[in-house]
Amino acid sequence: MDTKEGWLCARQLFEGLREHTGADVYGTVVEPWLERAAGEYRAKLVAGAGLLPRWAAEGPDAGCQELLWELYALSRVSDVLLLAFQPHTGRDEPWSSAVTMGQYLELFGRLGMTSFEESGVFDPFLHEIVEVEQAEDPDEPVRITGVVWPGLWLGPLLFGRAGVRVRAGVRHAERGVADRSPLYWAYRRRHRPTVDLSQGWGHNSQWRTDLRVDLRTAAGAELNALADGDGIDVEWTGSVLTPDERCELLRHRCLVRTPARAAELAGTPGWQEDLFPFDWRLPAV
């Protein structure tokens, strides 16, 4: 993103975090980058986010595209900084650049974002399931039992959902599925596989990935509001998941229960990573 101080982008911050060794990553890597971002960079982020509802209704332009790429790069920064707060499941995690939660919130707050820890009623628009406590009653609704990390708003844009622990009956959220199945529209999690559109591309091309745009406007919530598709009817996935399962995948960004056709799908390796919901949106247009 061009600024009066020269080119500045979140990719620079991400790569600085990746290359850092030793202590005080915040003071050494984050703080100098933030000082450059304090003026024009922050203003462009905030102004661009304010235009997203219009772009969702009328169609994006070149300015929107640059913003989505930059927001995606920032989401990568967020993802790797949140790794330290996620469950340890034995997977190797090469990132050692840990910050405190206070430093995490300061970073994104100085970029114009507002944090939230809403824990009253579970809402997949606002909340990502991190851990499931399985209730004995299969019909017990999802209830938040703890907040693992806060969510972030950038104007009308939900930049990041809050990570939460929940208790639920198996018919609403199944342990081992809702908290461990592949998470779409995410770069990295410590405790589960992730799938985003940067995967499989080269060193530079992967940064031409759009952030998923979830908006809350006067008209209500809009999920994946800048997607190219008309709704959630994708031919191949439509033959794999039921309509309810497709809606759940879009809302939760992952499967939350074992699919009805799981036994048939067992013979298709990697099917959970190949559902490709990236063109779906709600409400449909």
Protein backbone atom coordinates (compact mmCIF):
# COMPACT_ATOMS: atom_id res chain seq x y z
CA MET A 1 0.00 0.00 0.00
CA ASP A 2 1.52 3.31 -1.08
CA THR A 3 2.01 5.94 1.61
CA LYS A 4 3.90 9.20 1.75
CA GLU A 5 6.62 7.33 3.62
CA GLY A 6 6.94 4.82 0.75
CA TRP A 7 5.64 1.32 0.20
CA LEU A 8 4.25 -0.29 3.35
CA CYS A 9 2.34 -3.56 3.55
CA ALA A 10 1.36 -6.25 6.01
CA ARG A 11 3.46 -8.77 4.10
CA GLN A 12 6.54 -6.93 5.35
CA LEU A 13 5.31 -7.36 8.92
CA PHE A 14 4.47 -11.04 8.35
CA GLU A 15 7.91 -11.78 6.93
CA GLY A 16 9.57 -9.85 9.76
CA LEU A 17 7.72 -12.02 12.28
CA ARG A 18 8.72 -15.18 10.43
CA GLU A 19 12.39 -14.26 10.30
CA HIS A 20 12.67 -12.95 13.86
CA THR A 21 14.63 -14.93 16.44
CA GLY A 22 15.14 -14.06 20.06
CA ALA A 23 13.09 -12.06 22.53
CA ASP A 24 10.90 -8.94 22.27
CA VAL A 25 9.43 -9.50 18.83
CA TYR A 26 6.93 -6.72 19.51
CA GLY A 27 9.54 -4.06 20.18
CA THR A 28 11.91 -5.30 17.49
CA VAL A 29 9.52 -6.07 14.61
CA VAL A 30 5.98 -4.87 15.32
CA GLU A 31 6.55 -1.46 16.86
CA PRO A 32 8.77 -0.07 14.05
CA TRP A 33 6.25 -1.26 11.45
CA LEU A 34 3.37 0.28 13.42
CA GLU A 35 5.10 3.63 13.64
CA ARG A 36 5.17 3.77 9.84
CA ALA A 37 1.53 2.61 9.64
CA ALA A 38 0.16 5.16 12.12
CA GLY A 39 -0.91 7.79 9.58
CA GLU A 40 -1.84 7.21 5.97
CA TYR A 41 -1.79 3.41 6.07
CA ARG A 42 -4.30 3.27 8.92
CA ALA A 43 -6.47 5.93 7.28
CA LYS A 44 -6.62 3.96 4.03
CA LEU A 45 -7.62 0.78 5.87
CA VAL A 46 -10.42 2.49 7.76
CA ALA A 47 -11.72 4.38 4.73
CA GLY A 48 -11.60 1.27 2.56
CA ALA A 49 -13.50 -0.84 5.09
CA GLY A 50 -16.21 1.82 5.15
CA LEU A 51 -16.68 1.37 1.39
CA LEU A 52 -17.11 -2.41 1.54
CA PRO A 53 -20.92 -2.38 1.90
CA ARG A 54 -21.15 -0.25 -1.25
CA TRP A 55 -18.76 -2.52 -3.12
CA ALA A 56 -20.79 -5.55 -2.00
CA ALA A 57 -23.94 -3.99 -3.45
CA GLU A 58 -22.52 -2.40 -6.61
CA GLY A 59 -19.45 -4.47 -7.38
CA PRO A 60 -15.77 -3.95 -6.47
CA ASP A 61 -13.26 -1.74 -8.26
CA ALA A 62 -9.46 -1.71 -8.40
CA GLY A 63 -9.21 0.05 -5.05
CA CYS A 64 -11.29 -2.67 -3.45
CA GLN A 65 -9.00 -5.36 -4.85
CA GLU A 66 -5.88 -3.81 -3.34
CA LEU A 67 -7.67 -3.45 0.00
CA LEU A 68 -8.75 -7.12 0.04
CA TRP A 69 -5.20 -8.27 -0.65
CA GLU A 70 -3.85 -6.08 2.13
CA LEU A 71 -6.52 -7.23 4.58
CA TYR A 72 -5.71 -10.84 3.74
CA ALA A 73 -2.04 -10.20 4.52
CA LEU A 74 -3.07 -8.64 7.84
CA SER A 75 -5.22 -11.70 8.57
CA ARG A 76 -2.08 -13.83 8.18
CA VAL A 77 -0.33 -11.67 10.74
CA SER A 78 -3.29 -12.16 13.07
CA ASP A 79 -3.32 -15.91 12.49
CA VAL A 80 0.32 -16.45 13.40
CA LEU A 81 0.19 -14.18 16.44
CA LEU A 82 -2.81 -16.10 17.79
CA LEU A 83 -1.08 -19.48 17.55
CA ALA A 84 0.37 -19.19 21.04
CA PHE A 85 -3.15 -19.04 22.53
CA GLN A 86 -4.47 -22.14 20.74
CA PRO A 87 -4.62 -25.75 21.99
CA HIS A 88 -1.42 -27.81 21.78
CA THR A 89 -2.17 -31.00 19.84
CA GLY A 90 1.34 -32.28 19.19
CA ARG A 91 1.69 -30.71 15.75
CA ASP A 92 5.02 -29.03 15.01
CA GLU A 93 4.70 -25.26 14.98
CA PRO A 94 7.66 -23.39 13.50
CA TRP A 95 6.46 -19.94 14.55
CA SER A 96 8.18 -18.73 17.70
CA SER A 97 7.27 -15.04 17.45
CA ALA A 98 4.89 -14.83 20.39
CA VAL A 99 3.30 -11.64 21.71
CA THR A 100 1.05 -11.06 24.69
CA MET A 101 -2.67 -10.63 24.19
CA GLY A 102 -2.29 -7.00 25.20
CA GLN A 103 0.29 -6.49 22.45
CA TYR A 104 -1.92 -8.25 19.92
CA LEU A 105 -4.81 -5.92 20.74
CA GLU A 106 -2.54 -2.87 20.66
CA LEU A 107 -1.29 -3.80 17.19
CA PHE A 108 -4.73 -4.05 15.63
CA GLY A 109 -6.19 -1.24 17.71
CA ARG A 110 -3.57 1.13 16.32
CA LEU A 111 -4.71 0.09 12.83
CA GLY A 112 -8.25 1.27 13.58
CA MET A 113 -9.80 -1.99 14.73
CA THR A 114 -12.09 -2.55 17.72
CA SER A 115 -11.97 -5.76 19.74
CA PHE A 116 -14.91 -7.67 21.19
CA GLU A 117 -15.37 -10.69 23.46
CA GLU A 118 -19.12 -11.23 23.16
CA SER A 119 -19.86 -14.38 25.15
CA GLY A 120 -23.60 -14.23 25.80
CA VAL A 121 -25.13 -16.11 22.88
CA PHE A 122 -23.09 -18.21 20.45
CA ASP A 123 -23.21 -16.85 16.90
CA PRO A 124 -21.12 -18.45 14.12
CA PHE A 125 -20.93 -15.03 12.47
CA LEU A 126 -18.97 -13.76 15.48
CA HIS A 127 -17.48 -16.90 16.98
CA GLU A 128 -15.03 -19.60 15.88
CA ILE A 129 -15.29 -22.85 17.83
CA VAL A 130 -11.92 -23.78 19.32
CA GLU A 131 -12.92 -26.55 21.74
CA VAL A 132 -16.15 -28.52 22.19
CA GLU A 133 -17.32 -30.01 25.48
CA GLN A 134 -19.84 -32.64 24.43
CA ALA A 135 -23.08 -32.50 26.41
CA GLU A 136 -24.92 -35.71 27.28
CA ASP A 137 -28.15 -34.37 25.79
CA PRO A 138 -27.66 -34.48 21.98
CA ASP A 139 -30.13 -31.62 21.58
CA GLU A 140 -28.44 -29.21 24.02
CA PRO A 141 -27.84 -25.92 22.14
CA VAL A 142 -24.36 -24.46 21.72
CA ARG A 143 -23.33 -22.42 24.76
CA ILE A 144 -20.11 -20.43 25.15
CA THR A 145 -18.05 -21.52 28.17
CA GLY A 146 -14.97 -19.36 27.58
CA VAL A 147 -13.31 -16.90 25.23
CA VAL A 148 -9.88 -17.97 23.94
CA TRP A 149 -9.12 -14.83 21.91
CA PRO A 150 -11.12 -11.70 21.08
CA GLY A 151 -12.63 -10.83 17.72
CA LEU A 152 -11.92 -7.70 15.71
CA TRP A 153 -14.11 -5.21 13.83
CA LEU A 154 -12.83 -2.78 11.23
CA GLY A 155 -15.84 -0.52 10.74
CA PRO A 156 -18.61 -2.69 9.26
CA LEU A 157 -16.14 -5.50 8.44
CA LEU A 158 -15.74 -8.48 10.74
CA PHE A 159 -11.97 -8.78 10.38
CA GLY A 160 -11.61 -11.69 12.82
CA ARG A 161 -14.02 -13.85 14.78
CA ALA A 162 -13.54 -14.44 18.50
CA GLY A 163 -12.25 -17.90 19.38
CA VAL A 164 -14.46 -19.65 21.93
CA ARG A 165 -14.87 -22.85 23.91
CA VAL A 166 -18.38 -24.23 23.83
CA ARG A 167 -20.61 -26.90 25.33
CA ALA A 168 -23.15 -28.47 22.98
CA GLY A 169 -25.15 -31.54 22.12
CA VAL A 170 -23.82 -33.63 19.27
CA ARG A 171 -26.67 -32.57 16.99
CA HIS A 172 -25.46 -28.98 17.17
CA ALA A 173 -21.65 -29.22 17.43
CA GLU A 174 -19.73 -32.50 17.43
CA ARG A 175 -16.45 -32.74 19.31
CA GLY A 176 -13.68 -33.67 16.90
CA VAL A 177 -15.55 -32.15 13.95
CA ALA A 178 -16.62 -28.63 14.92
CA ASP A 179 -13.23 -28.02 16.59
CA ARG A 180 -10.88 -30.17 14.46
CA SER A 181 -12.20 -30.40 10.88
CA PRO A 182 -10.53 -28.20 8.21
CA LEU A 183 -11.22 -24.50 8.74
CA TYR A 184 -11.82 -22.61 5.51
CA TRP A 185 -10.82 -18.98 4.87
CA ALA A 186 -7.94 -19.35 7.35
CA TYR A 187 -4.18 -19.42 6.87
CA ARG A 188 -3.07 -21.29 9.98
CA ARG A 189 -4.31 -22.82 13.21
CA ARG A 190 -2.28 -24.79 15.70
CA HIS A 191 -4.98 -27.35 16.44
CA ARG A 192 -6.67 -28.03 13.08
CA PRO A 193 -6.06 -28.04 9.31
CA THR A 194 -6.82 -24.87 7.36
CA VAL A 195 -7.78 -24.17 3.76
CA ASP A 196 -7.52 -20.86 1.96
CA LEU A 197 -7.06 -19.78 -1.64
CA SER A 198 -3.39 -18.92 -1.20
CA GLN A 199 -2.47 -22.59 -0.92
CA GLY A 200 -0.69 -24.09 -3.90
CA TRP A 201 0.45 -20.74 -5.33
CA GLY A 202 3.99 -19.42 -5.60
CA HIS A 203 5.90 -17.20 -3.20
CA ASN A 204 4.47 -13.97 -4.66
CA SER A 205 1.18 -15.16 -6.17
CA GLN A 206 -0.15 -16.40 -2.83
CA TRP A 207 -0.40 -12.79 -1.63
CA ARG A 208 -3.01 -12.08 -4.31
CA THR A 209 -5.63 -13.67 -2.09
CA ASP A 210 -8.76 -11.85 -0.95
CA LEU A 211 -9.92 -11.65 2.62
CA ARG A 212 -13.39 -13.13 3.12
CA VAL A 213 -15.72 -10.17 3.61
CA ASP A 214 -18.37 -10.59 6.32
CA LEU A 215 -20.33 -7.42 6.98
CA ARG A 216 -22.88 -6.26 9.52
CA THR A 217 -24.98 -3.42 8.13
CA ALA A 218 -28.39 -1.90 8.86
CA ALA A 219 -29.87 -4.60 6.63
CA GLY A 220 -28.29 -7.41 8.65
CA ALA A 221 -25.36 -9.80 8.30
CA GLU A 222 -23.79 -10.51 4.92
CA LEU A 223 -21.52 -13.55 4.67
CA ASN A 224 -18.75 -13.68 2.06
CA ALA A 225 -20.36 -10.56 0.64
CA LEU A 226 -17.95 -10.10 -2.29
CA ALA A 227 -18.02 -13.71 -3.51
CA ASP A 228 -18.52 -14.28 -7.24
CA GLY A 229 -21.22 -16.93 -6.82
CA ASP A 230 -24.95 -16.44 -6.43
CA GLY A 231 -25.43 -18.57 -3.33
CA ILE A 232 -24.41 -21.97 -2.00
CA ASP A 233 -25.38 -24.28 -4.86
CA VAL A 234 -22.08 -25.63 -6.13
CA GLU A 235 -22.56 -28.71 -8.29
CA TRP A 236 -19.93 -31.08 -6.90
CA THR A 237 -20.30 -30.05 -3.25
CA GLY A 238 -24.07 -30.14 -3.64
CA SER A 239 -23.75 -33.88 -4.25
CA VAL A 240 -21.59 -34.32 -1.14
CA LEU A 241 -23.32 -32.20 1.51
CA THR A 242 -26.97 -31.64 2.28
CA PRO A 243 -28.37 -28.09 1.97
CA ASP A 244 -28.21 -27.67 5.76
CA GLU A 245 -24.61 -28.88 5.83
CA ARG A 246 -23.67 -26.42 3.08
CA CYS A 247 -25.22 -23.54 5.06
CA GLU A 248 -23.38 -24.65 8.19
CA LEU A 249 -20.09 -24.79 6.28
CA LEU A 250 -20.54 -21.23 5.06
CA ARG A 251 -21.65 -19.90 8.46
CA HIS A 252 -19.08 -21.74 10.61
CA ARG A 253 -16.34 -21.92 7.93
CA CYS A 254 -16.03 -25.61 8.79
CA LEU A 255 -18.12 -28.72 9.25
CA VAL A 256 -19.73 -28.87 12.67
CA ARG A 257 -21.16 -32.40 12.54
CA THR A 258 -20.31 -35.63 10.75
CA PRO A 259 -21.98 -35.31 7.32
CA ALA A 260 -24.89 -37.58 6.44
CA ARG A 261 -22.82 -39.15 3.65
CA ALA A 262 -19.67 -39.64 5.73
CA ALA A 263 -19.58 -43.43 5.23
CA GLU A 264 -19.65 -43.02 1.44
CA LEU A 265 -17.04 -40.28 1.53
CA ALA A 266 -14.61 -42.34 3.60
CA GLY A 267 -13.23 -43.84 0.39
CA THR A 268 -12.38 -40.39 -1.05
CA PRO A 269 -9.16 -39.18 0.62
CA GLY A 270 -9.00 -35.46 1.28
CA TRP A 271 -12.66 -34.76 0.57
CA GLN A 272 -12.92 -32.46 3.60
CA GLU A 273 -10.31 -30.12 2.09
CA ASP A 274 -11.98 -30.13 -1.35
CA LEU A 275 -15.43 -28.72 -0.57
CA PHE A 276 -14.56 -25.31 -2.07
CA PRO A 277 -17.17 -23.00 -0.51
CA PHE A 278 -15.28 -19.84 -1.55
CA ASP A 279 -17.90 -18.70 -4.10
CA TRP A 280 -20.85 -19.07 -1.73
CA ARG A 281 -22.53 -16.11 -0.09
CA LEU A 282 -25.53 -15.30 2.11
CA PRO A 283 -27.87 -13.75 1.43
CA ALA A 284 -27.71 -14.89 -2.18
CA VAL A 285 -27.90 -12.29 -4.94
